[in-house]
Full PDB file with SEQRES, HELIX, SHEET, SSBOND, CRYST1, ORIGX, SCALE, CONECT and MASTER records, all heavy atoms in Angstrom:
SEQRES   1 A   41  LEU GLU PHE GLY ASP THR SER ASP GLU ALA GLN ASN LEU          
SEQRES   2 A   41  VAL LYS LYS ILE THR ASP LEU SER GLY GLU LEU ASN ASP          
SEQRES   3 A   41  ASN LYS THR ARG LEU ASN ASN ALA GLU LYS ALA ALA GLU          
SEQRES   4 A   41  ASP LEU                                                      
HELIX    1 AA1 ASP A    8  ASP A   40  1                                  33    
CRYST1    1.000    1.000    1.000  90.00  90.00  90.00 P 1           1          
ORIGX1      1.000000  0.000000  0.000000        0.00000                         
ORIGX2      0.000000  1.000000  0.000000        0.00000                         
ORIGX3      0.000000  0.000000  1.000000        0.00000                         
SCALE1      1.000000  0.000000  0.000000        0.00000                         
SCALE2      0.000000  1.000000  0.000000        0.00000                         
SCALE3      0.000000  0.000000  1.000000        0.00000                         
ATOM      1  N   LEU A   1      90.379  73.279  74.677  1.00  0.00           N  
ATOM      2  CA  LEU A   1      89.936  71.889  74.676  1.00  0.00           C  
ATOM      3  C   LEU A   1      89.230  71.526  73.369  1.00  0.00           C  
ATOM      4  O   LEU A   1      89.361  70.411  72.853  1.00  0.00           O  
ATOM      5  CB  LEU A   1      88.999  71.630  75.853  1.00  0.00           C  
ATOM      6  CG  LEU A   1      89.654  71.581  77.246  1.00  0.00           C  
ATOM      7  CD1 LEU A   1      88.603  71.490  78.331  1.00  0.00           C  
ATOM      8  CD2 LEU A   1      90.619  70.398  77.327  1.00  0.00           C  
ATOM      9  N   GLU A   2      88.494  72.505  72.834  1.00  0.00           N  
ATOM     10  CA  GLU A   2      87.694  72.220  71.651  1.00  0.00           C  
ATOM     11  C   GLU A   2      88.462  72.432  70.351  1.00  0.00           C  
ATOM     12  O   GLU A   2      88.345  71.624  69.408  1.00  0.00           O  
ATOM     13  CB  GLU A   2      86.440  73.078  71.667  1.00  0.00           C  
ATOM     14  CG  GLU A   2      85.463  72.743  70.548  1.00  0.00           C  
ATOM     15  CD  GLU A   2      84.141  73.463  70.685  1.00  0.00           C  
ATOM     16  OE1 GLU A   2      83.946  74.158  71.716  1.00  0.00           O  
ATOM     17  OE2 GLU A   2      83.307  73.343  69.777  1.00  0.00           O  
ATOM     18  N   PHE A   3      89.260  73.531  70.283  1.00  0.00           N  
ATOM     19  CA  PHE A   3      89.904  73.867  69.006  1.00  0.00           C  
ATOM     20  C   PHE A   3      91.439  73.852  69.068  1.00  0.00           C  
ATOM     21  O   PHE A   3      92.093  73.958  68.033  1.00  0.00           O  
ATOM     22  CB  PHE A   3      89.445  75.253  68.531  1.00  0.00           C  
ATOM     23  CG  PHE A   3      87.965  75.367  68.340  1.00  0.00           C  
ATOM     24  CD1 PHE A   3      87.179  76.062  69.238  1.00  0.00           C  
ATOM     25  CD2 PHE A   3      87.349  74.759  67.246  1.00  0.00           C  
ATOM     26  CE1 PHE A   3      85.806  76.166  69.054  1.00  0.00           C  
ATOM     27  CE2 PHE A   3      85.980  74.863  67.058  1.00  0.00           C  
ATOM     28  CZ  PHE A   3      85.205  75.563  67.967  1.00  0.00           C  
ATOM     29  N   GLY A   4      92.003  73.815  70.288  1.00  0.00           N  
ATOM     30  CA  GLY A   4      93.451  73.858  70.430  1.00  0.00           C  
ATOM     31  C   GLY A   4      93.961  75.265  70.701  1.00  0.00           C  
ATOM     32  O   GLY A   4      93.298  76.259  70.377  1.00  0.00           O  
ATOM     33  N   ASP A   5      95.167  75.357  71.292  1.00  0.00           N  
ATOM     34  CA  ASP A   5      95.681  76.671  71.694  1.00  0.00           C  
ATOM     35  C   ASP A   5      96.235  77.499  70.536  1.00  0.00           C  
ATOM     36  O   ASP A   5      96.564  78.671  70.706  1.00  0.00           O  
ATOM     37  CB  ASP A   5      96.742  76.516  72.783  1.00  0.00           C  
ATOM     38  CG  ASP A   5      97.922  75.679  72.315  1.00  0.00           C  
ATOM     39  OD1 ASP A   5      97.909  75.247  71.160  1.00  0.00           O  
ATOM     40  OD2 ASP A   5      98.847  75.486  73.113  1.00  0.00           O  
ATOM     41  N   THR A   6      96.356  76.900  69.373  1.00  0.00           N  
ATOM     42  CA  THR A   6      96.847  77.662  68.209  1.00  0.00           C  
ATOM     43  C   THR A   6      95.721  78.151  67.310  1.00  0.00           C  
ATOM     44  O   THR A   6      95.973  78.802  66.300  1.00  0.00           O  
ATOM     45  CB  THR A   6      97.809  76.793  67.380  1.00  0.00           C  
ATOM     46  OG1 THR A   6      97.121  75.627  66.926  1.00  0.00           O  
ATOM     47  CG2 THR A   6      99.034  76.392  68.208  1.00  0.00           C  
ATOM     48  N   SER A   7      94.505  77.826  67.688  1.00  0.00           N  
ATOM     49  CA  SER A   7      93.366  78.246  66.868  1.00  0.00           C  
ATOM     50  C   SER A   7      93.186  79.760  66.930  1.00  0.00           C  
ATOM     51  O   SER A   7      93.647  80.433  67.867  1.00  0.00           O  
ATOM     52  CB  SER A   7      92.084  77.560  67.356  1.00  0.00           C  
ATOM     53  OG  SER A   7      91.775  77.988  68.668  1.00  0.00           O  
ATOM     54  N   ASP A   8      92.538  80.295  65.895  1.00  0.00           N  
ATOM     55  CA  ASP A   8      92.272  81.742  65.868  1.00  0.00           C  
ATOM     56  C   ASP A   8      91.456  82.172  67.078  1.00  0.00           C  
ATOM     57  O   ASP A   8      91.676  83.242  67.648  1.00  0.00           O  
ATOM     58  CB  ASP A   8      91.525  82.106  64.578  1.00  0.00           C  
ATOM     59  CG  ASP A   8      92.411  81.991  63.351  1.00  0.00           C  
ATOM     60  OD1 ASP A   8      93.647  81.961  63.513  1.00  0.00           O  
ATOM     61  OD2 ASP A   8      91.858  81.924  62.235  1.00  0.00           O  
ATOM     62  N   GLU A   9      90.476  81.335  67.438  1.00  0.00           N  
ATOM     63  CA  GLU A   9      89.618  81.660  68.583  1.00  0.00           C  
ATOM     64  C   GLU A   9      90.449  81.782  69.865  1.00  0.00           C  
ATOM     65  O   GLU A   9      90.273  82.715  70.661  1.00  0.00           O  
ATOM     66  CB  GLU A   9      88.540  80.587  68.765  1.00  0.00           C  
ATOM     67  CG  GLU A   9      87.489  80.539  67.669  1.00  0.00           C  
ATOM     68  CD  GLU A   9      87.931  79.700  66.497  1.00  0.00           C  
ATOM     69  OE1 GLU A   9      89.110  79.277  66.456  1.00  0.00           O  
ATOM     70  OE2 GLU A   9      87.092  79.457  65.611  1.00  0.00           O  
ATOM     71  N   ALA A  10      91.368  80.822  70.037  1.00  0.00           N  
ATOM     72  CA  ALA A  10      92.209  80.836  71.234  1.00  0.00           C  
ATOM     73  C   ALA A  10      93.148  82.041  71.232  1.00  0.00           C  
ATOM     74  O   ALA A  10      93.341  82.711  72.265  1.00  0.00           O  
ATOM     75  CB  ALA A  10      93.013  79.542  71.319  1.00  0.00           C  
ATOM     76  N   GLN A  11      93.736  82.363  70.083  1.00  0.00           N  
ATOM     77  CA  GLN A  11      94.675  83.488  69.987  1.00  0.00           C  
ATOM     78  C   GLN A  11      93.979  84.826  70.215  1.00  0.00           C  
ATOM     79  O   GLN A  11      94.556  85.738  70.809  1.00  0.00           O  
ATOM     80  CB  GLN A  11      95.369  83.464  68.617  1.00  0.00           C  
ATOM     81  CG  GLN A  11      96.337  82.294  68.423  1.00  0.00           C  
ATOM     82  CD  GLN A  11      97.387  82.235  69.504  1.00  0.00           C  
ATOM     83  OE1 GLN A  11      98.089  83.225  69.753  1.00  0.00           O  
ATOM     84  NE2 GLN A  11      97.495  81.097  70.173  1.00  0.00           N  
ATOM     85  N   ASN A  12      92.730  84.937  69.746  1.00  0.00           N  
ATOM     86  CA  ASN A  12      91.958  86.165  70.001  1.00  0.00           C  
ATOM     87  C   ASN A  12      91.715  86.355  71.496  1.00  0.00           C  
ATOM     88  O   ASN A  12      91.793  87.473  72.018  1.00  0.00           O  
ATOM     89  CB  ASN A  12      90.628  86.112  69.258  1.00  0.00           C  
ATOM     90  CG  ASN A  12      90.788  86.308  67.766  1.00  0.00           C  
ATOM     91  OD1 ASN A  12      91.758  86.905  67.310  1.00  0.00           O  
ATOM     92  ND2 ASN A  12      89.833  85.794  66.985  1.00  0.00           N  
ATOM     93  N   LEU A  13      91.427  85.243  72.163  1.00  0.00           N  
ATOM     94  CA  LEU A  13      91.192  85.323  73.607  1.00  0.00           C  
ATOM     95  C   LEU A  13      92.484  85.639  74.363  1.00  0.00           C  
ATOM     96  O   LEU A  13      92.460  86.351  75.370  1.00  0.00           O  
ATOM     97  CB  LEU A  13      90.598  84.008  74.123  1.00  0.00           C  
ATOM     98  CG  LEU A  13      89.099  83.847  73.900  1.00  0.00           C  
ATOM     99  CD1 LEU A  13      88.640  82.454  74.330  1.00  0.00           C  
ATOM    100  CD2 LEU A  13      88.320  84.903  74.686  1.00  0.00           C  
ATOM    101  N   VAL A  14      93.596  85.107  73.875  1.00  0.00           N  
ATOM    102  CA  VAL A  14      94.883  85.414  74.499  1.00  0.00           C  
ATOM    103  C   VAL A  14      95.137  86.921  74.479  1.00  0.00           C  
ATOM    104  O   VAL A  14      95.594  87.510  75.471  1.00  0.00           O  
ATOM    105  CB  VAL A  14      96.035  84.666  73.780  1.00  0.00           C  
ATOM    106  CG1 VAL A  14      97.391  85.238  74.213  1.00  0.00           C  
ATOM    107  CG2 VAL A  14      95.976  83.180  74.080  1.00  0.00           C  
ATOM    108  N   LYS A  15      94.849  87.537  73.323  1.00  0.00           N  
ATOM    109  CA  LYS A  15      95.043  88.988  73.217  1.00  0.00           C  
ATOM    110  C   LYS A  15      94.126  89.743  74.181  1.00  0.00           C  
ATOM    111  O   LYS A  15      94.547  90.693  74.853  1.00  0.00           O  
ATOM    112  CB  LYS A  15      94.780  89.455  71.787  1.00  0.00           C  
ATOM    113  CG  LYS A  15      95.085  90.942  71.575  1.00  0.00           C  
ATOM    114  CD  LYS A  15      94.847  91.356  70.153  1.00  0.00           C  
ATOM    115  CE  LYS A  15      95.305  92.805  69.925  1.00  0.00           C  
ATOM    116  NZ  LYS A  15      94.758  93.742  70.910  1.00  0.00           N  
ATOM    117  N   LYS A  16      92.859  89.319  74.268  1.00  0.00           N  
ATOM    118  CA  LYS A  16      91.908  89.968  75.176  1.00  0.00           C  
ATOM    119  C   LYS A  16      92.374  89.828  76.625  1.00  0.00           C  
ATOM    120  O   LYS A  16      92.323  90.785  77.410  1.00  0.00           O  
ATOM    121  CB  LYS A  16      90.519  89.362  75.012  1.00  0.00           C  
ATOM    122  CG  LYS A  16      89.807  89.752  73.731  1.00  0.00           C  
ATOM    123  CD  LYS A  16      88.408  89.150  73.696  1.00  0.00           C  
ATOM    124  CE  LYS A  16      87.664  89.538  72.433  1.00  0.00           C  
ATOM    125  NZ  LYS A  16      86.302  88.948  72.382  1.00  0.00           N  
ATOM    126  N   ILE A  17      92.807  88.608  76.975  1.00  0.00           N  
ATOM    127  CA  ILE A  17      93.256  88.350  78.345  1.00  0.00           C  
ATOM    128  C   ILE A  17      94.507  89.172  78.677  1.00  0.00           C  
ATOM    129  O   ILE A  17      94.626  89.753  79.760  1.00  0.00           O  
ATOM    130  CB  ILE A  17      93.533  86.842  78.542  1.00  0.00           C  
ATOM    131  CG1 ILE A  17      92.217  86.066  78.516  1.00  0.00           C  
ATOM    132  CG2 ILE A  17      94.267  86.590  79.855  1.00  0.00           C  
ATOM    133  CD1 ILE A  17      92.384  84.559  78.499  1.00  0.00           C  
ATOM    134  N   THR A  18      95.432  89.239  77.709  1.00  0.00           N  
ATOM    135  CA  THR A  18      96.664  90.002  77.925  1.00  0.00           C  
ATOM    136  C   THR A  18      96.364  91.490  78.104  1.00  0.00           C  
ATOM    137  O   THR A  18      96.896  92.145  79.014  1.00  0.00           O  
ATOM    138  CB  THR A  18      97.619  89.818  76.737  1.00  0.00           C  
ATOM    139  OG1 THR A  18      97.925  88.427  76.587  1.00  0.00           O  
ATOM    140  CG2 THR A  18      98.913  90.593  76.950  1.00  0.00           C  
ATOM    141  N   ASP A  19      95.526  92.030  77.233  1.00  0.00           N  
ATOM    142  CA  ASP A  19      95.176  93.459  77.318  1.00  0.00           C  
ATOM    143  C   ASP A  19      94.462  93.773  78.629  1.00  0.00           C  
ATOM    144  O   ASP A  19      94.772  94.766  79.297  1.00  0.00           O  
ATOM    145  CB  ASP A  19      94.292  93.863  76.141  1.00  0.00           C  
ATOM    146  CG  ASP A  19      95.047  93.855  74.816  1.00  0.00           C  
ATOM    147  OD1 ASP A  19      96.288  93.831  74.849  1.00  0.00           O  
ATOM    148  OD2 ASP A  19      94.381  93.870  73.755  1.00  0.00           O  
ATOM    149  N   LEU A  20      93.504  92.921  78.986  1.00  0.00           N  
ATOM    150  CA  LEU A  20      92.732  93.157  80.201  1.00  0.00           C  
ATOM    151  C   LEU A  20      93.607  93.012  81.440  1.00  0.00           C  
ATOM    152  O   LEU A  20      93.471  93.789  82.401  1.00  0.00           O  
ATOM    153  CB  LEU A  20      91.550  92.179  80.273  1.00  0.00           C  
ATOM    154  CG  LEU A  20      90.605  92.352  81.463  1.00  0.00           C  
ATOM    155  CD1 LEU A  20      90.017  93.765  81.475  1.00  0.00           C  
ATOM    156  CD2 LEU A  20      89.484  91.313  81.401  1.00  0.00           C  
ATOM    157  N   SER A  21      94.533  92.063  81.436  1.00  0.00           N  
ATOM    158  CA  SER A  21      95.450  91.884  82.570  1.00  0.00           C  
ATOM    159  C   SER A  21      96.318  93.124  82.758  1.00  0.00           C  
ATOM    160  O   SER A  21      96.567  93.564  83.891  1.00  0.00           O  
ATOM    161  CB  SER A  21      96.340  90.652  82.347  1.00  0.00           C  
ATOM    162  OG  SER A  21      95.583  89.465  82.344  1.00  0.00           O  
ATOM    163  N   GLY A  22      96.767  93.703  81.644  1.00  0.00           N  
ATOM    164  CA  GLY A  22      97.581  94.911  81.724  1.00  0.00           C  
ATOM    165  C   GLY A  22      96.801  96.075  82.309  1.00  0.00           C  
ATOM    166  O   GLY A  22      97.297  96.812  83.175  1.00  0.00           O  
ATOM    167  N   GLU A  23      95.555  96.267  81.841  1.00  0.00           N  
ATOM    168  CA  GLU A  23      94.701  97.340  82.370  1.00  0.00           C  
ATOM    169  C   GLU A  23      94.409  97.128  83.854  1.00  0.00           C  
ATOM    170  O   GLU A  23      94.424  98.079  84.647  1.00  0.00           O  
ATOM    171  CB  GLU A  23      93.389  97.389  81.588  1.00  0.00           C  
ATOM    172  CG  GLU A  23      93.539  97.834  80.137  1.00  0.00           C  
ATOM    173  CD  GLU A  23      92.225  97.779  79.381  1.00  0.00           C  
ATOM    174  OE1 GLU A  23      91.183  97.579  80.046  1.00  0.00           O  
ATOM    175  OE2 GLU A  23      92.228  97.918  78.144  1.00  0.00           O  
ATOM    176  N   LEU A  24      94.154  95.862  84.222  1.00  0.00           N  
ATOM    177  CA  LEU A  24      93.866  95.551  85.622  1.00  0.00           C  
ATOM    178  C   LEU A  24      95.059  95.852  86.517  1.00  0.00           C  
ATOM    179  O   LEU A  24      94.909  96.443  87.601  1.00  0.00           O  
ATOM    180  CB  LEU A  24      93.471  94.074  85.744  1.00  0.00           C  
ATOM    181  CG  LEU A  24      93.173  93.555  87.155  1.00  0.00           C  
ATOM    182  CD1 LEU A  24      92.041  94.341  87.792  1.00  0.00           C  
ATOM    183  CD2 LEU A  24      92.835  92.058  87.106  1.00  0.00           C  
ATOM    184  N   ASN A  25      96.247  95.475  86.078  1.00  0.00           N  
ATOM    185  CA  ASN A  25      97.457  95.746  86.871  1.00  0.00           C  
ATOM    186  C   ASN A  25      97.695  97.251  87.018  1.00  0.00           C  
ATOM    187  O   ASN A  25      98.094  97.722  88.091  1.00  0.00           O  
ATOM    188  CB  ASN A  25      98.676  95.086  86.213  1.00  0.00           C  
ATOM    189  CG  ASN A  25      98.664  93.580  86.370  1.00  0.00           C  
ATOM    190  OD1 ASN A  25      98.072  93.044  87.302  1.00  0.00           O  
ATOM    191  ND2 ASN A  25      99.309  92.875  85.434  1.00  0.00           N  
ATOM    192  N   ASP A  26      97.467  97.994  85.929  1.00  0.00           N  
ATOM    193  CA  ASP A  26      97.631  99.451  85.995  1.00  0.00           C  
ATOM    194  C   ASP A  26      96.663 100.057  87.007  1.00  0.00           C  
ATOM    195  O   ASP A  26      97.038 100.938  87.802  1.00  0.00           O  
ATOM    196  CB  ASP A  26      97.393 100.081  84.619  1.00  0.00           C  
ATOM    197  CG  ASP A  26      98.528  99.796  83.643  1.00  0.00           C  
ATOM    198  OD1 ASP A  26      99.610  99.381  84.100  1.00  0.00           O  
ATOM    199  OD2 ASP A  26      98.317  99.978  82.424  1.00  0.00           O  
ATOM    200  N   ASN A  27      95.417  99.613  86.984  1.00  0.00           N  
ATOM    201  CA  ASN A  27      94.408 100.148  87.906  1.00  0.00           C  
ATOM    202  C   ASN A  27      94.711  99.762  89.355  1.00  0.00           C  
ATOM    203  O   ASN A  27      94.499 100.557  90.278  1.00  0.00           O  
ATOM    204  CB  ASN A  27      93.017  99.644  87.511  1.00  0.00           C  
ATOM    205  CG  ASN A  27      92.486 100.342  86.267  1.00  0.00           C  
ATOM    206  OD1 ASN A  27      92.839 101.479  85.990  1.00  0.00           O  
ATOM    207  ND2 ASN A  27      91.637  99.656  85.503  1.00  0.00           N  
ATOM    208  N   LYS A  28      95.222  98.544  89.555  1.00  0.00           N  
ATOM    209  CA  LYS A  28      95.593  98.130  90.914  1.00  0.00           C  
ATOM    210  C   LYS A  28      96.761  98.965  91.432  1.00  0.00           C  
ATOM    211  O   LYS A  28      96.799  99.317  92.622  1.00  0.00           O  
ATOM    212  CB  LYS A  28      95.969  96.648  90.918  1.00  0.00           C  
ATOM    213  CG  LYS A  28      94.778  95.708  90.852  1.00  0.00           C  
ATOM    214  CD  LYS A  28      95.211  94.256  90.954  1.00  0.00           C  
ATOM    215  CE  LYS A  28      94.001  93.330  91.024  1.00  0.00           C  
ATOM    216  NZ  LYS A  28      94.400  91.895  91.128  1.00  0.00           N  
ATOM    217  N   THR A  29      97.687  99.301  90.551  1.00  0.00           N  
ATOM    218  CA  THR A  29      98.818 100.150  90.946  1.00  0.00           C  
ATOM    219  C   THR A  29      98.324 101.542  91.342  1.00  0.00           C  
ATOM    220  O   THR A  29      98.761 102.110  92.353  1.00  0.00           O  
ATOM    221  CB  THR A  29      99.827 100.278  89.789  1.00  0.00           C  
ATOM    222  OG1 THR A  29     100.347  98.979  89.475  1.00  0.00           O  
ATOM    223  CG2 THR A  29     100.982 101.197  90.169  1.00  0.00           C  
ATOM    224  N   ARG A  30      97.407 102.105  90.547  1.00  0.00           N  
ATOM    225  CA  ARG A  30      96.825 103.416  90.876  1.00  0.00           C  
ATOM    226  C   ARG A  30      96.127 103.382  92.227  1.00  0.00           C  
ATOM    227  O   ARG A  30      96.283 104.290  93.050  1.00  0.00           O  
ATOM    228  CB  ARG A  30      95.819 103.827  89.791  1.00  0.00           C  
ATOM    229  CG  ARG A  30      96.436 104.225  88.455  1.00  0.00           C  
ATOM    230  CD  ARG A  30      95.352 104.464  87.411  1.00  0.00           C  
ATOM    231  NE  ARG A  30      94.416 105.482  87.858  1.00  0.00           N  
ATOM    232  CZ  ARG A  30      93.164 105.603  87.407  1.00  0.00           C  
ATOM    233  NH1 ARG A  30      92.718 104.743  86.498  1.00  0.00           N  
ATOM    234  NH2 ARG A  30      92.387 106.568  87.847  1.00  0.00           N  
ATOM    235  N   LEU A  31      95.373 102.312  92.463  1.00  0.00           N  
ATOM    236  CA  LEU A  31      94.635 102.195  93.719  1.00  0.00           C  
ATOM    237  C   LEU A  31      95.596 102.052  94.902  1.00  0.00           C  
ATOM    238  O   LEU A  31      95.417 102.698  95.945  1.00  0.00           O  
ATOM    239  CB  LEU A  31      93.700 100.989  93.655  1.00  0.00           C  
ATOM    240  CG  LEU A  31      92.784 100.781  94.869  1.00  0.00           C  
ATOM    241  CD1 LEU A  31      91.824 101.953  95.013  1.00  0.00           C  
ATOM    242  CD2 LEU A  31      92.015  99.473  94.741  1.00  0.00           C  
ATOM    243  N   ASN A  32      96.629 101.218  94.732  1.00  0.00           N  
ATOM    244  CA  ASN A  32      97.602 101.032  95.810  1.00  0.00           C  
ATOM    245  C   ASN A  32      98.334 102.332  96.139  1.00  0.00           C  
ATOM    246  O   ASN A  32      98.573 102.646  97.314  1.00  0.00           O  
ATOM    247  CB  ASN A  32      98.620  99.953  95.416  1.00  0.00           C  
ATOM    248  CG  ASN A  32      98.025  98.558  95.422  1.00  0.00           C  
ATOM    249  OD1 ASN A  32      97.032  98.307  96.102  1.00  0.00           O  
ATOM    250  ND2 ASN A  32      98.613  97.651  94.670  1.00  0.00           N  
ATOM    251  N   ASN A  33      98.677 103.084  95.103  1.00  0.00           N  
ATOM    252  CA  ASN A  33      99.360 104.363  95.324  1.00  0.00           C  
ATOM    253  C   ASN A  33      98.459 105.347  96.073  1.00  0.00           C  
ATOM    254  O   ASN A  33      98.916 106.071  96.961  1.00  0.00           O  
ATOM    255  CB  ASN A  33      99.789 104.974  93.984  1.00  0.00           C  
ATOM    256  CG  ASN A  33     100.932 104.216  93.341  1.00  0.00           C  
ATOM    257  OD1 ASN A  33     101.649 103.468  94.008  1.00  0.00           O  
ATOM    258  ND2 ASN A  33     101.125 104.396  92.040  1.00  0.00           N  
ATOM    259  N   ALA A  34      97.180 105.374  95.701  1.00  0.00           N  
ATOM    260  CA  ALA A  34      96.226 106.272  96.368  1.00  0.00           C  
ATOM    261  C   ALA A  34      96.044 105.870  97.828  1.00  0.00           C  
ATOM    262  O   ALA A  34      96.008 106.728  98.728  1.00  0.00           O  
ATOM    263  CB  ALA A  34      94.888 106.243  95.639  1.00  0.00           C  
ATOM    264  N   GLU A  35      95.939 104.577  98.078  1.00  0.00           N  
ATOM    265  CA  GLU A  35      95.748 104.099  99.453  1.00  0.00           C  
ATOM    266  C   GLU A  35      96.991 104.360 100.298  1.00  0.00           C  
ATOM    267  O   GLU A  35      96.887 104.701 101.479  1.00  0.00           O  
ATOM    268  CB  GLU A  35      95.404 102.612  99.443  1.00  0.00           C  
ATOM    269  CG  GLU A  35      94.010 102.332  98.889  1.00  0.00           C  
ATOM    270  CD  GLU A  35      93.699 100.852  98.793  1.00  0.00           C  
ATOM    271  OE1 GLU A  35      94.664 100.047  98.746  1.00  0.00           O  
ATOM    272  OE2 GLU A  35      92.499 100.498  98.755  1.00  0.00           O  
ATOM    273  N   LYS A  36      98.179 104.211  99.683  1.00  0.00           N  
ATOM    274  CA  LYS A  36      99.421 104.485 100.413  1.00  0.00           C  
ATOM    275  C   LYS A  36      99.524 105.965 100.755  1.00  0.00           C  
ATOM    276  O   LYS A  36      99.929 106.335 101.862  1.00  0.00           O  
ATOM    277  CB  LYS A  36     100.626 104.065  99.580  1.00  0.00           C  
ATOM    278  CG  LYS A  36     101.961 104.242 100.314  1.00  0.00           C  
ATOM    279  CD  LYS A  36     103.129 103.787  99.466  1.00  0.00           C  
ATOM    280  CE  LYS A  36     104.437 103.906 100.242  1.00  0.00           C  
ATOM    281  NZ  LYS A  36     104.702 105.274 100.709  1.00  0.00           N  
ATOM    282  N   ALA A  37      99.139 106.831  99.798  1.00  0.00           N  
ATOM    283  CA  ALA A  37      99.176 108.274 100.052  1.00  0.00           C  
ATOM    284  C   ALA A  37      98.234 108.648 101.189  1.00  0.00           C  
ATOM    285  O   ALA A  37      98.560 109.472 102.046  1.00  0.00           O  
ATOM    286  CB  ALA A  37      98.802 109.039  98.779  1.00  0.00           C  
ATOM    287  N   ALA A  38      97.062 108.018 101.207  1.00  0.00           N  
ATOM    288  CA  ALA A  38      96.088 108.289 102.262  1.00  0.00           C  
ATOM    289  C   ALA A  38      96.613 107.813 103.617  1.00  0.00           C  
ATOM    290  O   ALA A  38      96.455 108.498 104.637  1.00  0.00           O  
ATOM    291  CB  ALA A  38      94.768 107.594 101.942  1.00  0.00           C  
ATOM    292  N   GLU A  39      97.267 106.652 103.635  1.00  0.00           N  
ATOM    293  CA  GLU A  39      97.825 106.119 104.880  1.00  0.00           C  
ATOM    294  C   GLU A  39      98.976 106.987 105.369  1.00  0.00           C  
ATOM    295  O   GLU A  39      99.085 107.279 106.566  1.00  0.00           O  
ATOM    296  CB  GLU A  39      98.312 104.686 104.665  1.00  0.00           C  
ATOM    297  CG  GLU A  39      98.946 104.043 105.889  1.00  0.00           C  
ATOM    298  CD  GLU A  39      97.996 103.949 107.083  1.00  0.00           C  
ATOM    299  OE1 GLU A  39      96.773 103.887 106.851  1.00  0.00           O  
ATOM    300  OE2 GLU A  39      98.486 103.935 108.223  1.00  0.00           O  
ATOM    301  N   ASP A  40      99.839 107.420 104.446  1.00  0.00           N  
ATOM    302  CA  ASP A  40     100.950 108.308 104.820  1.00  0.00           C  
ATOM    303  C   ASP A  40     100.433 109.617 105.408  1.00  0.00           C  
ATOM    304  O   ASP A  40     100.982 110.130 106.386  1.00  0.00           O  
ATOM    305  CB  ASP A  40     101.825 108.618 103.594  1.00  0.00           C  
ATOM    306  CG  ASP A  40     102.624 107.409 103.141  1.00  0.00           C  
ATOM    307  OD1 ASP A  40     102.721 106.438 103.913  1.00  0.00           O  
ATOM    308  OD2 ASP A  40     103.138 107.441 102.000  1.00  0.00           O  
ATOM    309  N   LEU A  41      99.361 110.156 104.806  1.00  0.00           N  
ATOM    310  CA  LEU A  41      98.769 111.393 105.312  1.00  0.00           C  
ATOM    311  C   LEU A  41      98.193 111.182 106.695  1.00  0.00           C  
ATOM    312  O   LEU A  41      98.348 112.008 107.588  1.00  0.00           O  
ATOM    313  CB  LEU A  41      97.679 111.884 104.356  1.00  0.00           C  
ATOM    314  CG  LEU A  41      96.922 113.136 104.801  1.00  0.00           C  
ATOM    315  CD1 LEU A  41      97.872 114.301 104.996  1.00  0.00           C  
ATOM    316  CD2 LEU A  41      95.842 113.492 103.798  1.00  0.00           C  
TER     317      LEU A  41                                                      
MASTER        0    0    0    1    0    0    0    6  316    1    0    4          
END                                                                             
């Protein structure tokens, strides 16, 4: 809203959001696999 989506500030945040989203998805997958293994057991 303040600087536009092509600004350096916005692009830096895009990278942070993308990286963090990837880490979050990986951790959720690990957790789901662990919970499924526990349920199967």
